[in-house]
Amino acid sequence: MSSSKPKLPVSWQLLFSLLMFGFMYLPILVLAFYSFNQSPYSAGWTGFTLDWYRKFFSDERILSALADSLRVAFFAVGIAAIIGTLMAVGLARYRFPGKNLYRGAAYLPLIIPDIAIAVSTLVFLAAVAIPFSGGLVQLSLWTVVAAHVVFCLSYVALVVSTRLTDLNPHLEEAALDLGATPAQAFVQVLLPELMPAIVSGCLLAFVLSMDDFLIASFTAGGGTNTLPMEIFSRIRTGVKPDINALSVILILASGLLFFVAELIRYRSDKKQLGE
């Protein structure tokens, strides 16, 4: 007598999940498909080609915009990594008047719309501008960096603070009891434990900085053209396969950074459970 396993009915949860995944990823698959289209227009398929990917690596405007975006992201994330880590440690380890109010203000950029951050940053830069060579300080690459530090700081601090809640709060006290100074306890004991979270927060902030269009368009000066700004200027006349190819490369790069961040987090959690 043979026994058969009962078949599980297809539930509405499974159908809903498949529908949501299709809604999210089907446009990306279509974009990737048409990035290999031989036709300069995405209306119909005419043949397979890699010319649009070759064109990307020889397009000076795209490469220049990519260089500007990388500069903004590296500088903004570097500044945010230092300040965000110190902010997270200060909020977690010390008590001071107005701490709850400061914590709310520190994480406010996470929920404020980008348009509000862009306008407020532009108004702030205009208000604090000082005379320079007969005029006012002009918007430039560095004003974009200053604007990106605002939201990158919050993301780094949030990830680091999450890691701090899982750490033993007595580690630093033990180091101090053994003769270490507060600076030595922070650098030699606390910072190595926080490093995986710092790297993960920086990777997240880096991707968000590279992806930003709205804030950069408000705070960029003449001659500054980030990659999202360049893409937006080109799609006004229609989406071409070279933009599709660029989008596929950006998606793959973002996915790689996400994988690295998750790998770092997984190894950190595994190490902590092993201890």
C-alpha atoms as a PDB file:
ATOM      1  CA  MET A   1       0.000   0.000   0.000  1.00  0.00           C
ATOM      2  CA  SER A   2       1.613   3.246  -1.078  1.00  0.00           C
ATOM      3  CA  SER A   3       1.233   6.371   0.903  1.00  0.00           C
ATOM      4  CA  SER A   4       1.143   9.766  -0.702  1.00  0.00           C
ATOM      5  CA  LYS A   5       1.964  13.014   0.973  1.00  0.00           C
ATOM      6  CA  PRO A   6      -0.909  15.445   1.178  1.00  0.00           C
ATOM      7  CA  LYS A   7      -0.603  18.392  -1.131  1.00  0.00           C
ATOM      8  CA  LEU A   8      -0.548  21.793   0.494  1.00  0.00           C
ATOM      9  CA  PRO A   9      -3.157  24.107  -0.943  1.00  0.00           C
ATOM     10  CA  VAL A  10      -1.894  27.321  -2.513  1.00  0.00           C
ATOM     11  CA  SER A  11      -2.678  29.928   0.078  1.00  0.00           C
ATOM     12  CA  TRP A  12      -3.519  33.548  -0.545  1.00  0.00           C
ATOM     13  CA  GLN A  13      -0.337  34.510   1.330  1.00  0.00           C
ATOM     14  CA  LEU A  14       1.786  32.726  -1.280  1.00  0.00           C
ATOM     15  CA  LEU A  15      -0.128  34.300  -4.153  1.00  0.00           C
ATOM     16  CA  PHE A  16       0.174  37.722  -2.587  1.00  0.00           C
ATOM     17  CA  SER A  17       3.939  37.260  -2.070  1.00  0.00           C
ATOM     18  CA  LEU A  18       4.436  36.150  -5.682  1.00  0.00           C
ATOM     19  CA  LEU A  19       2.398  39.114  -6.884  1.00  0.00           C
ATOM     20  CA  MET A  20       4.455  41.567  -4.817  1.00  0.00           C
ATOM     21  CA  PHE A  21       7.771  40.076  -5.943  1.00  0.00           C
ATOM     22  CA  GLY A  22       6.617  40.240  -9.533  1.00  0.00           C
ATOM     23  CA  PHE A  23       5.506  43.849  -9.089  1.00  0.00           C
ATOM     24  CA  MET A  24       8.921  44.783  -7.657  1.00  0.00           C
ATOM     25  CA  TYR A  25      11.284  42.808  -9.868  1.00  0.00           C
ATOM     26  CA  LEU A  26       9.516  42.401 -13.203  1.00  0.00           C
ATOM     27  CA  PRO A  27      10.300  46.008 -14.285  1.00  0.00           C
ATOM     28  CA  ILE A  28      13.974  45.379 -13.439  1.00  0.00           C
ATOM     29  CA  LEU A  29      13.992  42.229 -15.571  1.00  0.00           C
ATOM     30  CA  VAL A  30      12.389  44.112 -18.463  1.00  0.00           C
ATOM     31  CA  LEU A  31      14.969  46.888 -18.089  1.00  0.00           C
ATOM     32  CA  ALA A  32      17.826  44.371 -18.106  1.00  0.00           C
ATOM     33  CA  PHE A  33      16.334  42.603 -21.140  1.00  0.00           C
ATOM     34  CA  TYR A  34      16.114  45.797 -23.214  1.00  0.00           C
ATOM     35  CA  SER A  35      19.639  46.877 -22.214  1.00  0.00           C
ATOM     36  CA  PHE A  36      20.825  44.231 -24.723  1.00  0.00           C
ATOM     37  CA  ASN A  37      18.491  45.468 -27.463  1.00  0.00           C
ATOM     38  CA  GLN A  38      20.245  46.379 -30.685  1.00  0.00           C
ATOM     39  CA  SER A  39      17.694  49.057 -31.505  1.00  0.00           C
ATOM     40  CA  PRO A  40      18.312  52.566 -30.106  1.00  0.00           C
ATOM     41  CA  TYR A  41      14.656  52.614 -29.101  1.00  0.00           C
ATOM     42  CA  SER A  42      13.076  50.302 -26.538  1.00  0.00           C
ATOM     43  CA  ALA A  43       9.824  49.847 -28.423  1.00  0.00           C
ATOM     44  CA  GLY A  44      10.742  46.578 -30.108  1.00  0.00           C
ATOM     45  CA  TRP A  45      13.419  43.897 -29.983  1.00  0.00           C
ATOM     46  CA  THR A  46      15.709  43.847 -33.038  1.00  0.00           C
ATOM     47  CA  GLY A  47      18.687  41.777 -31.867  1.00  0.00           C
ATOM     48  CA  PHE A  48      21.237  41.129 -29.132  1.00  0.00           C
ATOM     49  CA  THR A  49      24.195  43.464 -28.585  1.00  0.00           C
ATOM     50  CA  LEU A  50      26.653  44.610 -25.920  1.00  0.00           C
ATOM     51  CA  ASP A  51      27.301  47.959 -27.618  1.00  0.00           C
ATOM     52  CA  TRP A  52      25.349  49.916 -25.020  1.00  0.00           C
ATOM     53  CA  TYR A  53      27.588  48.611 -22.235  1.00  0.00           C
ATOM     54  CA  ARG A  54      30.669  49.514 -24.257  1.00  0.00           C
ATOM     55  CA  LYS A  55      29.204  52.962 -24.857  1.00  0.00           C
ATOM     56  CA  PHE A  56      28.775  53.455 -21.114  1.00  0.00           C
ATOM     57  CA  PHE A  57      32.503  52.993 -20.471  1.00  0.00           C
ATOM     58  CA  SER A  58      33.398  55.461 -23.239  1.00  0.00           C
ATOM     59  CA  ASP A  59      30.830  58.152 -22.387  1.00  0.00           C
ATOM     60  CA  GLU A  60      32.774  61.060 -20.847  1.00  0.00           C
ATOM     61  CA  ARG A  61      29.696  62.790 -19.445  1.00  0.00           C
ATOM     62  CA  ILE A  62      28.506  59.646 -17.683  1.00  0.00           C
ATOM     63  CA  LEU A  63      31.980  58.902 -16.311  1.00  0.00           C
ATOM     64  CA  SER A  64      32.370  62.497 -15.117  1.00  0.00           C
ATOM     65  CA  ALA A  65      28.979  62.371 -13.363  1.00  0.00           C
ATOM     66  CA  LEU A  66      29.922  59.016 -11.825  1.00  0.00           C
ATOM     67  CA  ALA A  67      33.164  60.512 -10.529  1.00  0.00           C
ATOM     68  CA  ASP A  68      31.251  63.413  -8.926  1.00  0.00           C
ATOM     69  CA  SER A  69      28.790  61.006  -7.298  1.00  0.00           C
ATOM     70  CA  LEU A  70      31.632  58.868  -5.945  1.00  0.00           C
ATOM     71  CA  ARG A  71      33.386  61.935  -4.506  1.00  0.00           C
ATOM     72  CA  VAL A  72      30.211  63.107  -2.804  1.00  0.00           C
ATOM     73  CA  ALA A  73      29.454  59.640  -1.426  1.00  0.00           C
ATOM     74  CA  PHE A  74      32.975  58.979  -0.125  1.00  0.00           C
ATOM     75  CA  PHE A  75      33.348  62.347   1.594  1.00  0.00           C
ATOM     76  CA  ALA A  76      29.802  62.378   3.004  1.00  0.00           C
ATOM     77  CA  VAL A  77      30.029  58.807   4.288  1.00  0.00           C
ATOM     78  CA  GLY A  78      33.489  59.369   5.734  1.00  0.00           C
ATOM     79  CA  ILE A  79      32.314  62.376   7.742  1.00  0.00           C
ATOM     80  CA  ALA A  80      29.081  60.646   8.742  1.00  0.00           C
ATOM     81  CA  ALA A  81      30.971  57.533   9.898  1.00  0.00           C
ATOM     82  CA  ILE A  82      32.984  59.506  12.443  1.00  0.00           C
ATOM     83  CA  ILE A  83      30.244  61.801  13.710  1.00  0.00           C
ATOM     84  CA  GLY A  84      27.507  59.146  13.548  1.00  0.00           C
ATOM     85  CA  THR A  85      29.527  56.630  15.563  1.00  0.00           C
ATOM     86  CA  LEU A  86      30.359  59.183  18.251  1.00  0.00           C
ATOM     87  CA  MET A  87      26.732  60.307  18.333  1.00  0.00           C
ATOM     88  CA  ALA A  88      25.438  56.742  18.753  1.00  0.00           C
ATOM     89  CA  VAL A  89      27.937  56.012  21.545  1.00  0.00           C
ATOM     90  CA  GLY A  90      27.119  59.269  23.317  1.00  0.00           C
ATOM     91  CA  LEU A  91      23.380  58.608  23.197  1.00  0.00           C
ATOM     92  CA  ALA A  92      23.797  55.029  24.407  1.00  0.00           C
ATOM     93  CA  ARG A  93      26.439  55.459  27.109  1.00  0.00           C
ATOM     94  CA  TYR A  94      25.989  58.934  28.613  1.00  0.00           C
ATOM     95  CA  ARG A  95      23.279  60.979  30.256  1.00  0.00           C
ATOM     96  CA  PHE A  96      22.855  64.699  29.664  1.00  0.00           C
ATOM     97  CA  PRO A  97      20.013  67.240  29.699  1.00  0.00           C
ATOM     98  CA  GLY A  98      17.747  67.057  26.656  1.00  0.00           C
ATOM     99  CA  LYS A  99      19.006  63.615  25.619  1.00  0.00           C
ATOM    100  CA  ASN A 100      15.619  62.382  24.366  1.00  0.00           C
ATOM    101  CA  LEU A 101      15.058  65.586  22.428  1.00  0.00           C
ATOM    102  CA  TYR A 102      18.503  65.306  20.849  1.00  0.00           C
ATOM    103  CA  ARG A 103      17.896  61.656  19.936  1.00  0.00           C
ATOM    104  CA  GLY A 104      14.647  62.565  18.198  1.00  0.00           C
ATOM    105  CA  ALA A 105      16.322  65.389  16.285  1.00  0.00           C
ATOM    106  CA  ALA A 106      19.249  63.150  15.302  1.00  0.00           C
ATOM    107  CA  TYR A 107      17.007  60.536  13.686  1.00  0.00           C
ATOM    108  CA  LEU A 108      14.553  63.025  12.194  1.00  0.00           C
ATOM    109  CA  PRO A 109      16.152  62.992   8.689  1.00  0.00           C
ATOM    110  CA  LEU A 110      15.075  59.342   8.400  1.00  0.00           C
ATOM    111  CA  ILE A 111      11.403  60.312   8.186  1.00  0.00           C
ATOM    112  CA  ILE A 112      11.564  63.835   6.743  1.00  0.00           C
ATOM    113  CA  PRO A 113      10.808  63.937   2.981  1.00  0.00           C
ATOM    114  CA  ASP A 114      13.823  64.581   0.770  1.00  0.00           C
ATOM    115  CA  ILE A 115      12.233  67.727  -0.630  1.00  0.00           C
ATOM    116  CA  ALA A 116      12.068  69.206   2.870  1.00  0.00           C
ATOM    117  CA  ILE A 117      15.744  68.409   3.505  1.00  0.00           C
ATOM    118  CA  ALA A 118      16.705  69.851   0.114  1.00  0.00           C
ATOM    119  CA  VAL A 119      14.830  73.127   0.597  1.00  0.00           C
ATOM    120  CA  SER A 120      15.918  73.586   4.215  1.00  0.00           C
ATOM    121  CA  THR A 121      19.563  72.894   3.327  1.00  0.00           C
ATOM    122  CA  LEU A 122      19.430  75.390   0.467  1.00  0.00           C
ATOM    123  CA  VAL A 123      17.864  78.043   2.737  1.00  0.00           C
ATOM    124  CA  PHE A 124      20.496  77.344   5.412  1.00  0.00           C
ATOM    125  CA  LEU A 125      23.360  77.684   2.925  1.00  0.00           C
ATOM    126  CA  ALA A 126      21.920  80.976   1.691  1.00  0.00           C
ATOM    127  CA  ALA A 127      21.498  82.244   5.277  1.00  0.00           C
ATOM    128  CA  VAL A 128      25.035  81.452   6.444  1.00  0.00           C
ATOM    129  CA  ALA A 129      26.808  82.411   3.207  1.00  0.00           C
ATOM    130  CA  ILE A 130      29.652  84.871   3.779  1.00  0.00           C
ATOM    131  CA  PRO A 131      31.149  87.407   1.351  1.00  0.00           C
ATOM    132  CA  PHE A 132      33.948  85.897  -0.728  1.00  0.00           C
ATOM    133  CA  SER A 133      35.788  87.657  -3.551  1.00  0.00           C
ATOM    134  CA  GLY A 134      33.092  90.268  -3.922  1.00  0.00           C
ATOM    135  CA  GLY A 135      30.211  87.794  -3.899  1.00  0.00           C
ATOM    136  CA  LEU A 136      28.587  85.014  -1.951  1.00  0.00           C
ATOM    137  CA  VAL A 137      29.885  81.496  -1.590  1.00  0.00           C
ATOM    138  CA  GLN A 138      28.622  79.556  -4.587  1.00  0.00           C
ATOM    139  CA  LEU A 139      26.985  76.154  -4.577  1.00  0.00           C
ATOM    140  CA  SER A 140      29.455  73.437  -5.486  1.00  0.00           C
ATOM    141  CA  LEU A 141      30.355  69.807  -4.949  1.00  0.00           C
ATOM    142  CA  TRP A 142      31.069  70.554  -1.285  1.00  0.00           C
ATOM    143  CA  THR A 143      27.593  71.905  -0.626  1.00  0.00           C
ATOM    144  CA  VAL A 144      26.220  68.608  -1.950  1.00  0.00           C
ATOM    145  CA  VAL A 145      28.557  66.786   0.438  1.00  0.00           C
ATOM    146  CA  ALA A 146      27.306  68.909   3.355  1.00  0.00           C
ATOM    147  CA  ALA A 147      23.693  68.143   2.444  1.00  0.00           C
ATOM    148  CA  HIS A 148      24.350  64.403   2.132  1.00  0.00           C
ATOM    149  CA  VAL A 149      26.062  64.282   5.517  1.00  0.00           C
ATOM    150  CA  VAL A 150      22.696  65.229   7.062  1.00  0.00           C
ATOM    151  CA  PHE A 151      20.912  61.988   6.133  1.00  0.00           C
ATOM    152  CA  CYS A 152      24.000  59.742   5.987  1.00  0.00           C
ATOM    153  CA  LEU A 153      24.704  60.665   9.601  1.00  0.00           C
ATOM    154  CA  SER A 154      21.328  59.391  10.737  1.00  0.00           C
ATOM    155  CA  TYR A 155      21.645  56.053   8.953  1.00  0.00           C
ATOM    156  CA  VAL A 156      25.125  55.364  10.330  1.00  0.00           C
ATOM    157  CA  ALA A 157      24.053  56.327  13.855  1.00  0.00           C
ATOM    158  CA  LEU A 158      20.946  54.127  13.646  1.00  0.00           C
ATOM    159  CA  VAL A 159      22.880  51.013  12.597  1.00  0.00           C
ATOM    160  CA  VAL A 160      25.619  51.594  15.194  1.00  0.00           C
ATOM    161  CA  SER A 161      23.089  52.213  17.972  1.00  0.00           C
ATOM    162  CA  THR A 162      21.379  48.918  17.124  1.00  0.00           C
ATOM    163  CA  ARG A 163      24.710  47.149  17.554  1.00  0.00           C
ATOM    164  CA  LEU A 164      25.316  48.951  20.857  1.00  0.00           C
ATOM    165  CA  THR A 165      22.124  47.549  22.358  1.00  0.00           C
ATOM    166  CA  ASP A 166      23.490  44.004  21.863  1.00  0.00           C
ATOM    167  CA  LEU A 167      26.884  44.671  23.475  1.00  0.00           C
ATOM    168  CA  ASN A 168      27.767  44.084  27.099  1.00  0.00           C
ATOM    169  CA  PRO A 169      27.739  47.562  28.704  1.00  0.00           C
ATOM    170  CA  HIS A 170      30.405  46.462  31.207  1.00  0.00           C
ATOM    171  CA  LEU A 171      33.146  45.898  28.611  1.00  0.00           C
ATOM    172  CA  GLU A 172      34.425  49.445  28.903  1.00  0.00           C
ATOM    173  CA  GLU A 173      34.188  49.379  32.687  1.00  0.00           C
ATOM    174  CA  ALA A 174      36.343  46.255  32.748  1.00  0.00           C
ATOM    175  CA  ALA A 175      38.928  47.939  30.527  1.00  0.00           C
ATOM    176  CA  LEU A 176      38.972  50.991  32.803  1.00  0.00           C
ATOM    177  CA  ASP A 177      39.403  48.779  35.864  1.00  0.00           C
ATOM    178  CA  LEU A 178      42.411  47.160  34.187  1.00  0.00           C
ATOM    179  CA  GLY A 179      44.086  50.558  33.804  1.00  0.00           C
ATOM    180  CA  ALA A 180      42.995  51.731  30.369  1.00  0.00           C
ATOM    181  CA  THR A 181      42.128  55.369  29.781  1.00  0.00           C
ATOM    182  CA  PRO A 182      38.644  56.245  28.440  1.00  0.00           C
ATOM    183  CA  ALA A 183      40.164  56.868  24.991  1.00  0.00           C
ATOM    184  CA  GLN A 184      42.000  53.516  25.065  1.00  0.00           C
ATOM    185  CA  ALA A 185      38.844  51.701  26.197  1.00  0.00           C
ATOM    186  CA  PHE A 186      36.925  53.202  23.296  1.00  0.00           C
ATOM    187  CA  VAL A 187      39.574  52.532  20.633  1.00  0.00           C
ATOM    188  CA  GLN A 188      40.758  49.097  21.762  1.00  0.00           C
ATOM    189  CA  VAL A 189      37.575  47.592  23.236  1.00  0.00           C
ATOM    190  CA  LEU A 190      34.425  49.282  21.981  1.00  0.00           C
ATOM    191  CA  LEU A 191      35.454  50.311  18.452  1.00  0.00           C
ATOM    192  CA  PRO A 192      36.429  46.787  17.257  1.00  0.00           C
ATOM    193  CA  GLU A 193      33.037  45.499  18.436  1.00  0.00           C
ATOM    194  CA  LEU A 194      31.272  48.304  16.598  1.00  0.00           C
ATOM    195  CA  MET A 195      33.291  48.035  13.387  1.00  0.00           C
ATOM    196  CA  PRO A 196      30.913  45.586  11.589  1.00  0.00           C
ATOM    197  CA  ALA A 197      27.975  47.908  12.307  1.00  0.00           C
ATOM    198  CA  ILE A 198      29.989  50.955  11.225  1.00  0.00           C
ATOM    199  CA  VAL A 199      30.887  49.287   7.927  1.00  0.00           C
ATOM    200  CA  SER A 200      27.287  48.170   7.340  1.00  0.00           C
ATOM    201  CA  GLY A 201      25.964  51.649   8.109  1.00  0.00           C
ATOM    202  CA  CYS A 202      28.533  53.216   5.787  1.00  0.00           C
ATOM    203  CA  LEU A 203      27.608  50.866   2.933  1.00  0.00           C
ATOM    204  CA  LEU A 204      23.926  51.680   3.395  1.00  0.00           C
ATOM    205  CA  ALA A 205      24.630  55.424   3.494  1.00  0.00           C
ATOM    206  CA  PHE A 206      26.910  55.107   0.450  1.00  0.00           C
ATOM    207  CA  VAL A 207      24.165  53.509  -1.650  1.00  0.00           C
ATOM    208  CA  LEU A 208      21.641  56.153  -0.561  1.00  0.00           C
ATOM    209  CA  SER A 209      24.076  58.952  -1.380  1.00  0.00           C
ATOM    210  CA  MET A 210      24.790  57.533  -4.837  1.00  0.00           C
ATOM    211  CA  ASP A 211      21.042  57.203  -5.428  1.00  0.00           C
ATOM    212  CA  ASP A 212      20.055  60.710  -4.337  1.00  0.00           C
ATOM    213  CA  PHE A 213      18.736  63.076  -6.986  1.00  0.00           C
ATOM    214  CA  LEU A 214      16.478  65.573  -5.252  1.00  0.00           C
ATOM    215  CA  ILE A 215      18.840  66.911  -2.579  1.00  0.00           C
ATOM    216  CA  ALA A 216      21.783  67.017  -4.985  1.00  0.00           C
ATOM    217  CA  SER A 217      19.811  68.923  -7.625  1.00  0.00           C
ATOM    218  CA  PHE A 218      18.933  71.627  -5.063  1.00  0.00           C
ATOM    219  CA  THR A 219      22.428  72.026  -3.605  1.00  0.00           C
ATOM    220  CA  ALA A 220      24.708  71.420  -6.610  1.00  0.00           C
ATOM    221  CA  GLY A 221      26.384  74.361  -8.269  1.00  0.00           C
ATOM    222  CA  GLY A 222      27.416  74.942 -11.837  1.00  0.00           C
ATOM    223  CA  GLY A 223      29.772  72.278 -13.143  1.00  0.00           C
ATOM    224  CA  THR A 224      28.573  69.721 -10.589  1.00  0.00           C
ATOM    225  CA  ASN A 225      26.565  66.934 -12.123  1.00  0.00           C
ATOM    226  CA  THR A 226      25.957  63.754 -10.160  1.00  0.00           C
ATOM    227  CA  LEU A 227      24.976  60.497 -11.823  1.00  0.00           C
ATOM    228  CA  PRO A 228      21.238  60.639 -10.939  1.00  0.00           C
ATOM    229  CA  MET A 229      21.122  64.207 -12.264  1.00  0.00           C
ATOM    230  CA  GLU A 230      22.743  63.116 -15.527  1.00  0.00           C
ATOM    231  CA  ILE A 231      20.327  60.204 -15.904  1.00  0.00           C
ATOM    232  CA  PHE A 232      17.332  62.471 -15.283  1.00  0.00           C
ATOM    233  CA  SER A 233      18.517  64.959 -17.890  1.00  0.00           C
ATOM    234  CA  ARG A 234      18.789  62.182 -20.475  1.00  0.00           C
ATOM    235  CA  ILE A 235      15.469  60.442 -19.918  1.00  0.00           C
ATOM    236  CA  ARG A 236      13.570  63.647 -20.680  1.00  0.00           C
ATOM    237  CA  THR A 237      13.900  62.743 -24.355  1.00  0.00           C
ATOM    238  CA  GLY A 238      13.058  59.086 -23.800  1.00  0.00           C
ATOM    239  CA  VAL A 239      14.600  56.032 -22.221  1.00  0.00           C
ATOM    240  CA  LYS A 240      17.404  54.678 -24.412  1.00  0.00           C
ATOM    241  CA  PRO A 241      19.228  51.326 -24.093  1.00  0.00           C
ATOM    242  CA  ASP A 242      22.382  53.054 -22.836  1.00  0.00           C
ATOM    243  CA  ILE A 243      20.397  54.290 -19.811  1.00  0.00           C
ATOM    244  CA  ASN A 244      19.054  50.767 -19.357  1.00  0.00           C
ATOM    245  CA  ALA A 245      22.619  49.426 -19.371  1.00  0.00           C
ATOM    246  CA  LEU A 246      23.694  52.038 -16.831  1.00  0.00           C
ATOM    247  CA  SER A 247      20.735  51.157 -14.611  1.00  0.00           C
ATOM    248  CA  VAL A 248      21.620  47.456 -14.725  1.00  0.00           C
ATOM    249  CA  ILE A 249      25.204  48.227 -13.686  1.00  0.00           C
ATOM    250  CA  LEU A 250      23.978  50.374 -10.795  1.00  0.00           C
ATOM    251  CA  ILE A 251      21.553  47.658  -9.662  1.00  0.00           C
ATOM    252  CA  LEU A 252      24.319  45.047  -9.709  1.00  0.00           C
ATOM    253  CA  ALA A 253      26.685  47.346  -7.802  1.00  0.00           C
ATOM    254  CA  SER A 254      24.010  48.096  -5.193  1.00  0.00           C
ATOM    255  CA  GLY A 255      23.247  44.391  -4.848  1.00  0.00           C
ATOM    256  CA  LEU A 256      26.944  43.664  -4.322  1.00  0.00           C
ATOM    257  CA  LEU A 257      27.204  46.289  -1.593  1.00  0.00           C
ATOM    258  CA  PHE A 258      24.079  44.904   0.072  1.00  0.00           C
ATOM    259  CA  PHE A 259      25.555  41.397  -0.035  1.00  0.00           C
ATOM    260  CA  VAL A 260      28.799  42.618   1.545  1.00  0.00           C
ATOM    261  CA  ALA A 261      26.889  44.444   4.297  1.00  0.00           C
ATOM    262  CA  GLU A 262      24.781  41.361   5.049  1.00  0.00           C
ATOM    263  CA  LEU A 263      27.872  39.139   5.069  1.00  0.00           C
ATOM    264  CA  ILE A 264      29.567  41.439   7.572  1.00  0.00           C
ATOM    265  CA  ARG A 265      26.459  41.491   9.743  1.00  0.00           C
ATOM    266  CA  TYR A 266      26.105  37.698   9.582  1.00  0.00           C
ATOM    267  CA  ARG A 267      29.710  37.097  10.591  1.00  0.00           C
ATOM    268  CA  SER A 268      29.402  39.616  13.406  1.00  0.00           C
ATOM    269  CA  ASP A 269      26.241  37.951  14.744  1.00  0.00           C
ATOM    270  CA  LYS A 270      27.815  34.512  14.428  1.00  0.00           C
ATOM    271  CA  LYS A 271      30.910  35.664  16.302  1.00  0.00           C
ATOM    272  CA  GLN A 272      28.802  37.214  19.043  1.00  0.00           C
ATOM    273  CA  LEU A 273      26.737  34.014  19.464  1.00  0.00           C
ATOM    274  CA  GLY A 274      29.937  31.979  19.585  1.00  0.00           C
ATOM    275  CA  GLU A 275      31.256  34.086  22.413  1.00  0.00           C
END
